[in-house]
């Protein structure tokens, strides 16, 4: 089946529609996690570049066949074939109004086509190397192109002339993108830099990312900003999620930054560092609002209460503390966890508030999970079951379930009211260091160490919905966007990855798979895999 993913997908849909068991739903989710597509066959040789028109009705593809093909997305039929280039196509892009198509080729030529007629509007020359990136400004008046010659060129789309050449990259430029107001152009090159250019003046600045492991990530409540913490220079970085660009760098910690948490209103960011301090930052300005001292050992964990008035912190000194965010005063110190045997381990390694803000959960090296009454500071429950330290935890949205991850390689789902283990999730090779519920509470994301993966679990059944692979190191931090469609993961491989998460219903997933495969069983496939069964369409 691995050699024919379309057939495997059809069989998964058939199994689900015949009997929607948990096994069938898992197979359906696995099919959906494959690169979904409609198969378009027309190029004489393989396609190197693709682009959708603004209305999503047309797809342009270019490749080794030295042509650009325009496809009807709904039917998969060819609308038009554009021929002009002498060598393979490296990049294509539609103008914002969809009327013009730009294509760059290996010889350094850029061609602008009239999409309606197929006629060449302009041929743009000037690059001395392959053109691997093209992008229109939002108003459609300017085209930016990036080339292996190390330059970026700005072109006047109407008259077909060069406006400006941007130099500064020391390697091939493979990515170009305009800001929403068309005043700024971002470019990425093989010189490992991202540069922001002022389109009017041509001046630029270089942005670089983390140079060490990304050990903490967190989305702002509106999903527009991502905060990351790392040991690299003891800084916190704020990223614009839409533009995939660095927005701000927060400096002040004198030790590794291992914890980040946005306030519920998104205006303040709390960070925990190896300098034994928790810092509160103004997200809009980047200014430090307050530093909270108090712990006596190493970096820890931070979490806001749902009303934003209280911050909980946990650390290697065996304690969790509750802070008044407005005054910076410590409201309460929670003690009771047993001290760890190794200084390098967090003694209170995880904290999480219930949604109503009345309960705080803490996890420790002693393998226990404690629930605390915020008002009194007393222990409500102590959950036992893990056989090693607890380093990750999260409440479900309704507050009835607590998920905990442990160095024993398991994730446990606890009934908060009774303290009973609802389910134990196994599958990661070793230590679990991060857990997060999706906003609807149906899916739990977990991050592990030795297997370098993140997993998505069905909370109701305990089955794995998807395994996300790509990191080459421990996945130490993860967070869902507020709409539940994106999962951010941070790893020891010095990268932060954003995943498009499919959390649709099984019926919606089946429809997506059918649209992507864009065919039904052949006669031969039906006879081989569905012998003696009625030949009804699997994707009507």
Foldseek 3Di string as FASTA:
>chain_A
DVVDLLLQQLVLLVVCVVPVDPVSLLSLLVSLPPPFFADADDAPDDWQEWEAFLVRQWMWTWFQSQWIWIAGLQQSHTPDIAHDGPGTWQYWYAFNVRQWIWTWAQQQKIWIAGVVPSDTPEIAHDDRGGWREWDAQNVRQWIWIWGQVQWIWIAGPPVGGTDDIAHDGPGGWRYWDADNVRQWIWTDGPSQWIWIAGVVPSDIDIDHAAPFFFQEWDAQQQRQWIWTWFQRQRWIWIAGPVVRGTDDIADDDPFGWREWEAFNVRQWIWIWGQSQWIWIAGPVPSDTDDIAHDDDGGTAYWYAALVRQWIWTFFLVQWIWIAGPVVSDTPDIAHDQDHDPDSVDTQFQEWEAQNVRQWIWTWGQCQKIWIAGPVPSDTDDIAHDGPGTWHEWYAANVRQWIWIWAQAQWIFIAGVVPSDTPDIAHDDPGGWQYWDAQNVRQWIWTWAFPVQWIWIAGPVPSHTSDIGDDGPGTFNYWDAHNVRQWMWTTGRSRDIDIDGDDPDDSVVSSQSSCSRSVDFDDPVRCCVPPNPDDPDGSHD
